[in-house]
Amino acid sequence: MSVINVTSLRPRSLLNWTGLPVKAFLALVARVAALLPTETGRGRPWAPLLDNRVLLAAIAWRTT
């Protein structure tokens, strides 16, 4: 399985996949990071980085 690195994406492909320009996407990632708790201490930690999880959710939201 390949990992998508958000920082290596071209701005045009990010816009095509998510419908968001780069600045708006980074603002979304910052807002989500601010809403998340700092440490839960329970369960298995997430393997993908936060920006990749937000990218996946944005792509899923756009395709529904």
PDB file of N, CA and C in Angstrom:
ATOM      1  N   MET A   1       0.838  -1.164   0.000  1.00  0.00           N
ATOM      2  CA  MET A   1       0.000   0.000   0.000  1.00  0.00           C
ATOM      3  C   MET A   1       0.891   1.238   0.000  1.00  0.00           C
ATOM      4  N   SER A   2       0.600   2.181  -0.869  1.00  0.00           N
ATOM      5  CA  SER A   2       1.402   3.393  -0.931  1.00  0.00           C
ATOM      6  C   SER A   2       0.815   4.464  -0.026  1.00  0.00           C
ATOM      7  N   VAL A   3       1.665   5.318   0.457  1.00  0.00           N
ATOM      8  CA  VAL A   3       1.263   6.395   1.350  1.00  0.00           C
ATOM      9  C   VAL A   3       1.255   7.693   0.560  1.00  0.00           C
ATOM     10  N   ILE A   4       0.188   8.463   0.686  1.00  0.00           N
ATOM     11  CA  ILE A   4       0.099   9.755   0.028  1.00  0.00           C
ATOM     12  C   ILE A   4       0.708  10.786   0.953  1.00  0.00           C
ATOM     13  N   ASN A   5       1.669  11.522   0.439  1.00  0.00           N
ATOM     14  CA  ASN A   5       2.279  12.585   1.210  1.00  0.00           C
ATOM     15  C   ASN A   5       1.677  13.902   0.744  1.00  0.00           C
ATOM     16  N   VAL A   6       0.965  14.570   1.612  1.00  0.00           N
ATOM     17  CA  VAL A   6       0.251  15.790   1.247  1.00  0.00           C
ATOM     18  C   VAL A   6       1.218  16.873   0.791  1.00  0.00           C
ATOM     19  N   THR A   7       2.370  16.956   1.432  1.00  0.00           N
ATOM     20  CA  THR A   7       3.315  18.016   1.086  1.00  0.00           C
ATOM     21  C   THR A   7       3.928  17.828  -0.291  1.00  0.00           C
ATOM     22  N   SER A   8       3.902  16.621  -0.818  1.00  0.00           N
ATOM     23  CA  SER A   8       4.474  16.396  -2.141  1.00  0.00           C
ATOM     24  C   SER A   8       3.449  16.511  -3.270  1.00  0.00           C
ATOM     25  N   LEU A   9       2.177  16.720  -2.925  1.00  0.00           N
ATOM     26  CA  LEU A   9       1.145  16.863  -3.949  1.00  0.00           C
ATOM     27  C   LEU A   9       1.255  18.213  -4.647  1.00  0.00           C
ATOM     28  N   ARG A  10       0.935  18.231  -5.908  1.00  0.00           N
ATOM     29  CA  ARG A  10       0.852  19.498  -6.633  1.00  0.00           C
ATOM     30  C   ARG A  10      -0.417  20.220  -6.199  1.00  0.00           C
ATOM     31  N   PRO A  11      -0.363  21.554  -6.148  1.00  0.00           N
ATOM     32  CA  PRO A  11      -1.570  22.292  -5.738  1.00  0.00           C
ATOM     33  C   PRO A  11      -2.777  21.987  -6.609  1.00  0.00           C
ATOM     34  N   ARG A  12      -2.565  21.784  -7.903  1.00  0.00           N
ATOM     35  CA  ARG A  12      -3.680  21.503  -8.806  1.00  0.00           C
ATOM     36  C   ARG A  12      -4.323  20.151  -8.505  1.00  0.00           C
ATOM     37  N   SER A  13      -3.494  19.142  -8.193  1.00  0.00           N
ATOM     38  CA  SER A  13      -4.070  17.820  -7.896  1.00  0.00           C
ATOM     39  C   SER A  13      -4.797  17.835  -6.548  1.00  0.00           C
ATOM     40  N   LEU A  14      -4.294  18.604  -5.588  1.00  0.00           N
ATOM     41  CA  LEU A  14      -5.006  18.740  -4.322  1.00  0.00           C
ATOM     42  C   LEU A  14      -6.349  19.407  -4.544  1.00  0.00           C
ATOM     43  N   LEU A  15      -6.387  20.410  -5.387  1.00  0.00           N
ATOM     44  CA  LEU A  15      -7.644  21.088  -5.704  1.00  0.00           C
ATOM     45  C   LEU A  15      -8.602  20.141  -6.417  1.00  0.00           C
ATOM     46  N   ASN A  16      -8.098  19.333  -7.331  1.00  0.00           N
ATOM     47  CA  ASN A  16      -8.956  18.390  -8.050  1.00  0.00           C
ATOM     48  C   ASN A  16      -9.512  17.311  -7.130  1.00  0.00           C
ATOM     49  N   TRP A  17      -8.709  16.814  -6.202  1.00  0.00           N
ATOM     50  CA  TRP A  17      -9.145  15.726  -5.336  1.00  0.00           C
ATOM     51  C   TRP A  17     -10.081  16.189  -4.241  1.00  0.00           C
ATOM     52  N   THR A  18      -9.791  17.361  -3.658  1.00  0.00           N
ATOM     53  CA  THR A  18     -10.554  17.784  -2.488  1.00  0.00           C
ATOM     54  C   THR A  18     -11.507  18.939  -2.766  1.00  0.00           C
ATOM     55  N   GLY A  19     -11.259  19.689  -3.816  1.00  0.00           N
ATOM     56  CA  GLY A  19     -12.053  20.874  -4.088  1.00  0.00           C
ATOM     57  C   GLY A  19     -11.599  22.069  -3.269  1.00  0.00           C
ATOM     58  N   LEU A  20     -10.488  21.923  -2.563  1.00  0.00           N
ATOM     59  CA  LEU A  20      -9.966  22.987  -1.718  1.00  0.00           C
ATOM     60  C   LEU A  20      -8.609  23.465  -2.227  1.00  0.00           C
ATOM     61  N   PRO A  21      -8.391  24.774  -2.267  1.00  0.00           N
ATOM     62  CA  PRO A  21      -7.037  25.253  -2.563  1.00  0.00           C
ATOM     63  C   PRO A  21      -6.098  24.901  -1.401  1.00  0.00           C
ATOM     64  N   VAL A  22      -4.813  25.002  -1.641  1.00  0.00           N
ATOM     65  CA  VAL A  22      -3.819  24.583  -0.655  1.00  0.00           C
ATOM     66  C   VAL A  22      -3.990  25.343   0.661  1.00  0.00           C
ATOM     67  N   LYS A  23      -4.171  26.652   0.612  1.00  0.00           N
ATOM     68  CA  LYS A  23      -4.311  27.434   1.844  1.00  0.00           C
ATOM     69  C   LYS A  23      -5.539  26.997   2.638  1.00  0.00           C
ATOM     70  N   ALA A  24      -6.631  26.741   1.967  1.00  0.00           N
ATOM     71  CA  ALA A  24      -7.845  26.302   2.659  1.00  0.00           C
ATOM     72  C   ALA A  24      -7.653  24.916   3.259  1.00  0.00           C
ATOM     73  N   PHE A  25      -6.961  24.033   2.547  1.00  0.00           N
ATOM     74  CA  PHE A  25      -6.719  22.691   3.068  1.00  0.00           C
ATOM     75  C   PHE A  25      -5.833  22.745   4.307  1.00  0.00           C
ATOM     76  N   LEU A  26      -4.785  23.556   4.267  1.00  0.00           N
ATOM     77  CA  LEU A  26      -3.911  23.683   5.427  1.00  0.00           C
ATOM     78  C   LEU A  26      -4.642  24.315   6.610  1.00  0.00           C
ATOM     79  N   ALA A  27      -5.558  25.241   6.329  1.00  0.00           N
ATOM     80  CA  ALA A  27      -6.367  25.815   7.402  1.00  0.00           C
ATOM     81  C   ALA A  27      -7.289  24.761   8.003  1.00  0.00           C
ATOM     82  N   LEU A  28      -7.828  23.887   7.166  1.00  0.00           N
ATOM     83  CA  LEU A  28      -8.666  22.795   7.650  1.00  0.00           C
ATOM     84  C   LEU A  28      -7.873  21.848   8.538  1.00  0.00           C
ATOM     85  N   VAL A  29      -6.666  21.506   8.131  1.00  0.00           N
ATOM     86  CA  VAL A  29      -5.815  20.629   8.942  1.00  0.00           C
ATOM     87  C   VAL A  29      -5.500  21.295  10.285  1.00  0.00           C
ATOM     88  N   ALA A  30      -5.216  22.591  10.269  1.00  0.00           N
ATOM     89  CA  ALA A  30      -4.921  23.302  11.514  1.00  0.00           C
ATOM     90  C   ALA A  30      -6.138  23.338  12.428  1.00  0.00           C
ATOM     91  N   ARG A  31      -7.314  23.523  11.856  1.00  0.00           N
ATOM     92  CA  ARG A  31      -8.528  23.557  12.671  1.00  0.00           C
ATOM     93  C   ARG A  31      -8.817  22.181  13.277  1.00  0.00           C
ATOM     94  N   VAL A  32      -8.641  21.132  12.499  1.00  0.00           N
ATOM     95  CA  VAL A  32      -8.859  19.782  13.021  1.00  0.00           C
ATOM     96  C   VAL A  32      -7.843  19.478  14.125  1.00  0.00           C
ATOM     97  N   ALA A  33      -6.591  19.884  13.918  1.00  0.00           N
ATOM     98  CA  ALA A  33      -5.565  19.649  14.933  1.00  0.00           C
ATOM     99  C   ALA A  33      -5.890  20.383  16.225  1.00  0.00           C
ATOM    100  N   ALA A  34      -6.490  21.565  16.118  1.00  0.00           N
ATOM    101  CA  ALA A  34      -6.843  22.321  17.313  1.00  0.00           C
ATOM    102  C   ALA A  34      -8.006  21.666  18.069  1.00  0.00           C
ATOM    103  N   LEU A  35      -8.860  20.956  17.366  1.00  0.00           N
ATOM    104  CA  LEU A  35     -10.015  20.327  18.001  1.00  0.00           C
ATOM    105  C   LEU A  35      -9.707  18.976  18.624  1.00  0.00           C
ATOM    106  N   LEU A  36      -8.632  18.343  18.203  1.00  0.00           N
ATOM    107  CA  LEU A  36      -8.300  17.017  18.716  1.00  0.00           C
ATOM    108  C   LEU A  36      -7.696  17.110  20.109  1.00  0.00           C
ATOM    109  N   PRO A  37      -7.975  16.126  20.950  1.00  0.00           N
ATOM    110  CA  PRO A  37      -7.315  16.109  22.256  1.00  0.00           C
ATOM    111  C   PRO A  37      -5.823  15.833  22.082  1.00  0.00           C
ATOM    112  N   THR A  38      -5.024  16.347  22.999  1.00  0.00           N
ATOM    113  CA  THR A  38      -3.576  16.180  22.863  1.00  0.00           C
ATOM    114  C   THR A  38      -3.148  14.737  23.070  1.00  0.00           C
ATOM    115  N   GLU A  39      -3.700  14.086  24.062  1.00  0.00           N
ATOM    116  CA  GLU A  39      -3.307  12.709  24.341  1.00  0.00           C
ATOM    117  C   GLU A  39      -4.488  11.957  24.918  1.00  0.00           C
ATOM    118  N   THR A  40      -4.805  10.833  24.300  1.00  0.00           N
ATOM    119  CA  THR A  40      -5.901  10.029  24.832  1.00  0.00           C
ATOM    120  C   THR A  40      -5.380   8.984  25.806  1.00  0.00           C
ATOM    121  N   GLY A  41      -4.212   8.417  25.510  1.00  0.00           N
ATOM    122  CA  GLY A  41      -3.634   7.438  26.408  1.00  0.00           C
ATOM    123  C   GLY A  41      -4.256   6.063  26.316  1.00  0.00           C
ATOM    124  N   ARG A  42      -5.225   5.896  25.417  1.00  0.00           N
ATOM    125  CA  ARG A  42      -5.884   4.602  25.305  1.00  0.00           C
ATOM    126  C   ARG A  42      -5.797   4.116  23.864  1.00  0.00           C
ATOM    127  N   GLY A  43      -5.746   2.828  23.725  1.00  0.00           N
ATOM    128  CA  GLY A  43      -5.823   2.215  22.408  1.00  0.00           C
ATOM    129  C   GLY A  43      -4.566   2.363  21.570  1.00  0.00           C
ATOM    130  N   ARG A  44      -4.694   1.912  20.366  1.00  0.00           N
ATOM    131  CA  ARG A  44      -3.579   1.942  19.434  1.00  0.00           C
ATOM    132  C   ARG A  44      -3.517   3.313  18.752  1.00  0.00           C
ATOM    133  N   PRO A  45      -2.327   3.914  18.645  1.00  0.00           N
ATOM    134  CA  PRO A  45      -2.230   5.227  18.007  1.00  0.00           C
ATOM    135  C   PRO A  45      -2.440   5.125  16.493  1.00  0.00           C
ATOM    136  N   TRP A  46      -2.874   6.228  15.897  1.00  0.00           N
ATOM    137  CA  TRP A  46      -3.078   6.268  14.460  1.00  0.00           C
ATOM    138  C   TRP A  46      -1.742   6.161  13.744  1.00  0.00           C
ATOM    139  N   ALA A  47      -1.679   5.366  12.689  1.00  0.00           N
ATOM    140  CA  ALA A  47      -0.463   5.253  11.909  1.00  0.00           C
ATOM    141  C   ALA A  47      -0.319   6.414  10.916  1.00  0.00           C
ATOM    142  N   PRO A  48      -1.371   6.771  10.162  1.00  0.00           N
ATOM    143  CA  PRO A  48      -1.212   7.885   9.223  1.00  0.00           C
ATOM    144  C   PRO A  48      -1.130   9.226   9.951  1.00  0.00           C
ATOM    145  N   LEU A  49      -0.418  10.148   9.335  1.00  0.00           N
ATOM    146  CA  LEU A  49      -0.332  11.490   9.887  1.00  0.00           C
ATOM    147  C   LEU A  49      -1.683  12.189   9.772  1.00  0.00           C
ATOM    148  N   LEU A  50      -1.859  13.234  10.557  1.00  0.00           N
ATOM    149  CA  LEU A  50      -3.129  13.942  10.593  1.00  0.00           C
ATOM    150  C   LEU A  50      -3.486  14.523   9.229  1.00  0.00           C
ATOM    151  N   ASP A  51      -2.513  15.109   8.533  1.00  0.00           N
ATOM    152  CA  ASP A  51      -2.834  15.699   7.230  1.00  0.00           C
ATOM    153  C   ASP A  51      -3.270  14.650   6.224  1.00  0.00           C
ATOM    154  N   ASN A  52      -2.721  13.450   6.316  1.00  0.00           N
ATOM    155  CA  ASN A  52      -3.157  12.379   5.426  1.00  0.00           C
ATOM    156  C   ASN A  52      -4.564  11.894   5.784  1.00  0.00           C
ATOM    157  N   ARG A  53      -4.894  11.884   7.072  1.00  0.00           N
ATOM    158  CA  ARG A  53      -6.251  11.487   7.479  1.00  0.00           C
ATOM    159  C   ARG A  53      -7.276  12.519   7.034  1.00  0.00           C
ATOM    160  N   VAL A  54      -6.915  13.807   7.144  1.00  0.00           N
ATOM    161  CA  VAL A  54      -7.822  14.863   6.687  1.00  0.00           C
ATOM    162  C   VAL A  54      -7.976  14.794   5.172  1.00  0.00           C
ATOM    163  N   LEU A  55      -6.882  14.516   4.461  1.00  0.00           N
ATOM    164  CA  LEU A  55      -6.956  14.374   2.994  1.00  0.00           C
ATOM    165  C   LEU A  55      -7.893  13.234   2.629  1.00  0.00           C
ATOM    166  N   LEU A  56      -7.782  12.121   3.286  1.00  0.00           N
ATOM    167  CA  LEU A  56      -8.649  10.980   3.001  1.00  0.00           C
ATOM    168  C   LEU A  56     -10.112  11.317   3.259  1.00  0.00           C
ATOM    169  N   ALA A  57     -10.383  12.004   4.365  1.00  0.00           N
ATOM    170  CA  ALA A  57     -11.757  12.387   4.677  1.00  0.00           C
ATOM    171  C   ALA A  57     -12.285  13.395   3.662  1.00  0.00           C
ATOM    172  N   ALA A  58     -11.453  14.333   3.217  1.00  0.00           N
ATOM    173  CA  ALA A  58     -11.886  15.338   2.235  1.00  0.00           C
ATOM    174  C   ALA A  58     -12.178  14.686   0.886  1.00  0.00           C
ATOM    175  N   ILE A  59     -11.368  13.720   0.510  1.00  0.00           N
ATOM    176  CA  ILE A  59     -11.620  13.014  -0.756  1.00  0.00           C
ATOM    177  C   ILE A  59     -12.904  12.204  -0.650  1.00  0.00           C
ATOM    178  N   ALA A  60     -13.101  11.539   0.472  1.00  0.00           N
ATOM    179  CA  ALA A  60     -14.335  10.750   0.660  1.00  0.00           C
ATOM    180  C   ALA A  60     -15.554  11.663   0.662  1.00  0.00           C
ATOM    181  N   TRP A  61     -15.449  12.826   1.311  1.00  0.00           N
ATOM    182  CA  TRP A  61     -16.569  13.767   1.365  1.00  0.00           C
ATOM    183  C   TRP A  61     -16.898  14.268  -0.029  1.00  0.00           C
ATOM    184  N   ARG A  62     -15.876  14.517  -0.834  1.00  0.00           N
ATOM    185  CA  ARG A  62     -16.105  15.055  -2.185  1.00  0.00           C
ATOM    186  C   ARG A  62     -16.732  14.004  -3.098  1.00  0.00           C
ATOM    187  N   THR A  63     -16.439  12.746  -2.883  1.00  0.00           N
ATOM    188  CA  THR A  63     -16.966  11.708  -3.774  1.00  0.00           C
ATOM    189  C   THR A  63     -18.348  11.223  -3.378  1.00  0.00           C
ATOM    190  N   THR A  64     -18.890  11.679  -2.264  1.00  0.00           N
ATOM    191  CA  THR A  64     -20.222  11.224  -1.874  1.00  0.00           C
ATOM    192  C   THR A  64     -21.291  12.122  -2.438  1.00  0.00           C
TER     193      THR A  64
END
